[in-house]
């Protein structure tokens, strides 16, 4: 997406980047938590360096 969270998370988990992006989109449309989770993970990414 925009902030590089999907690529960072795929490296950490060993999953495909496309799968993680699809999961975020599904989370936004179905559960309403994808966007909030994305920004929380972005904060974790920024402070874990």
N, C-alpha and C. Protein backbone atom coordinates (compact mmCIF):
# COMPACT_ATOMS: atom_id res chain seq x y z
N UNK A 1 0.84 -1.17 0.00
CA UNK A 1 0.00 0.00 0.00
C UNK A 1 0.88 1.24 0.00
N UNK A 2 0.68 2.14 0.91
CA UNK A 2 1.36 3.43 0.83
C UNK A 2 2.62 3.47 1.69
N UNK A 3 2.57 2.96 2.89
CA UNK A 3 3.64 3.16 3.85
C UNK A 3 4.64 2.01 3.93
N UNK A 4 4.48 0.98 3.13
CA UNK A 4 5.42 -0.13 3.11
C UNK A 4 5.20 -1.17 4.19
N UNK A 5 4.06 -1.15 4.83
CA UNK A 5 3.79 -2.09 5.91
C UNK A 5 3.63 -3.50 5.38
N UNK A 6 2.98 -3.66 4.24
CA UNK A 6 2.75 -5.00 3.68
C UNK A 6 4.07 -5.69 3.34
N UNK A 7 4.96 -4.95 2.73
CA UNK A 7 6.26 -5.53 2.38
C UNK A 7 7.07 -5.86 3.63
N UNK A 8 7.05 -4.98 4.62
CA UNK A 8 7.77 -5.21 5.87
C UNK A 8 7.20 -6.44 6.59
N UNK A 9 5.87 -6.53 6.65
CA UNK A 9 5.22 -7.65 7.32
C UNK A 9 5.46 -8.96 6.59
N UNK A 10 5.50 -8.92 5.26
CA UNK A 10 5.76 -10.14 4.51
C UNK A 10 7.17 -10.66 4.77
N UNK A 11 8.11 -9.75 4.95
CA UNK A 11 9.47 -10.17 5.29
C UNK A 11 9.55 -10.79 6.67
N UNK A 12 8.78 -10.25 7.61
CA UNK A 12 8.77 -10.77 8.98
C UNK A 12 8.09 -12.13 9.06
N UNK A 13 6.99 -12.30 8.33
CA UNK A 13 6.21 -13.53 8.43
C UNK A 13 6.56 -14.58 7.38
N UNK A 14 7.24 -14.17 6.33
CA UNK A 14 7.58 -15.09 5.25
C UNK A 14 6.40 -15.39 4.34
N UNK A 15 5.42 -14.50 4.31
CA UNK A 15 4.25 -14.66 3.46
C UNK A 15 4.42 -13.84 2.19
N UNK A 16 3.56 -14.10 1.23
CA UNK A 16 3.55 -13.35 -0.02
C UNK A 16 2.96 -11.97 0.24
N UNK A 17 3.57 -10.94 -0.34
CA UNK A 17 3.11 -9.56 -0.15
C UNK A 17 1.68 -9.38 -0.65
N UNK A 18 1.34 -10.01 -1.74
CA UNK A 18 -0.01 -9.88 -2.30
C UNK A 18 -1.05 -10.43 -1.35
N UNK A 19 -0.75 -11.52 -0.68
CA UNK A 19 -1.68 -12.11 0.28
C UNK A 19 -1.95 -11.15 1.43
N UNK A 20 -0.92 -10.50 1.91
CA UNK A 20 -1.07 -9.56 3.02
C UNK A 20 -1.88 -8.34 2.58
N UNK A 21 -1.64 -7.85 1.37
CA UNK A 21 -2.41 -6.71 0.87
C UNK A 21 -3.88 -7.05 0.71
N UNK A 22 -4.16 -8.23 0.20
CA UNK A 22 -5.55 -8.67 0.06
C UNK A 22 -6.20 -8.80 1.43
N UNK A 23 -5.46 -9.30 2.41
CA UNK A 23 -6.01 -9.43 3.77
C UNK A 23 -6.35 -8.07 4.37
N UNK A 24 -5.51 -7.06 4.12
CA UNK A 24 -5.82 -5.72 4.61
C UNK A 24 -7.08 -5.16 3.95
N UNK A 25 -7.21 -5.34 2.65
CA UNK A 25 -8.38 -4.84 1.93
C UNK A 25 -9.65 -5.54 2.41
N UNK A 26 -9.59 -6.85 2.58
CA UNK A 26 -10.73 -7.59 3.10
C UNK A 26 -11.05 -7.14 4.52
N UNK A 27 -10.03 -6.90 5.30
CA UNK A 27 -10.24 -6.41 6.67
C UNK A 27 -10.94 -5.07 6.71
N UNK A 28 -10.63 -4.20 5.76
CA UNK A 28 -11.27 -2.89 5.71
C UNK A 28 -12.74 -3.03 5.32
N UNK A 29 -13.01 -3.81 4.28
CA UNK A 29 -14.38 -3.88 3.76
C UNK A 29 -15.30 -4.76 4.59
N UNK A 30 -14.79 -5.83 5.15
CA UNK A 30 -15.67 -6.76 5.87
C UNK A 30 -15.69 -6.47 7.37
N UNK A 31 -14.53 -6.35 7.96
CA UNK A 31 -14.46 -6.22 9.42
C UNK A 31 -14.29 -4.79 9.90
N UNK A 32 -13.81 -3.89 9.05
CA UNK A 32 -13.62 -2.50 9.43
C UNK A 32 -12.39 -2.27 10.29
N UNK A 33 -11.47 -3.23 10.35
CA UNK A 33 -10.30 -3.09 11.21
C UNK A 33 -9.00 -3.01 10.42
N UNK A 34 -9.05 -3.20 9.13
CA UNK A 34 -7.83 -3.24 8.33
C UNK A 34 -7.05 -1.95 8.35
N UNK A 35 -7.73 -0.83 8.24
CA UNK A 35 -7.05 0.46 8.20
C UNK A 35 -6.41 0.80 9.54
N UNK A 36 -7.12 0.57 10.62
CA UNK A 36 -6.55 0.82 11.94
C UNK A 36 -5.37 -0.08 12.22
N UNK A 37 -5.50 -1.33 11.86
CA UNK A 37 -4.41 -2.29 12.04
C UNK A 37 -3.20 -1.89 11.20
N UNK A 38 -3.44 -1.40 9.99
CA UNK A 38 -2.37 -0.96 9.10
C UNK A 38 -1.56 0.16 9.75
N UNK A 39 -2.25 1.15 10.32
CA UNK A 39 -1.54 2.27 10.95
C UNK A 39 -0.83 1.86 12.24
N UNK A 40 -1.40 0.94 12.98
CA UNK A 40 -0.72 0.42 14.17
C UNK A 40 0.56 -0.31 13.77
N UNK A 41 0.48 -1.13 12.74
CA UNK A 41 1.67 -1.85 12.26
C UNK A 41 2.70 -0.87 11.69
N UNK A 42 2.24 0.22 11.09
CA UNK A 42 3.18 1.22 10.59
C UNK A 42 3.96 1.85 11.75
N UNK A 43 3.26 2.13 12.85
CA UNK A 43 3.94 2.66 14.03
C UNK A 43 4.95 1.67 14.60
N UNK A 44 4.57 0.40 14.65
CA UNK A 44 5.49 -0.64 15.11
C UNK A 44 6.71 -0.70 14.20
N UNK A 45 6.47 -0.64 12.91
CA UNK A 45 7.56 -0.67 11.93
C UNK A 45 8.51 0.51 12.12
N UNK A 46 7.96 1.68 12.35
CA UNK A 46 8.79 2.89 12.46
C UNK A 46 9.66 2.85 13.73
N UNK A 47 9.13 2.29 14.81
CA UNK A 47 9.87 2.30 16.07
C UNK A 47 10.66 1.03 16.34
N UNK A 48 10.61 0.07 15.42
CA UNK A 48 11.34 -1.19 15.65
C UNK A 48 12.71 -1.19 14.98
N UNK A 49 13.09 -0.11 14.35
CA UNK A 49 14.39 -0.07 13.66
C UNK A 49 15.47 0.12 14.63
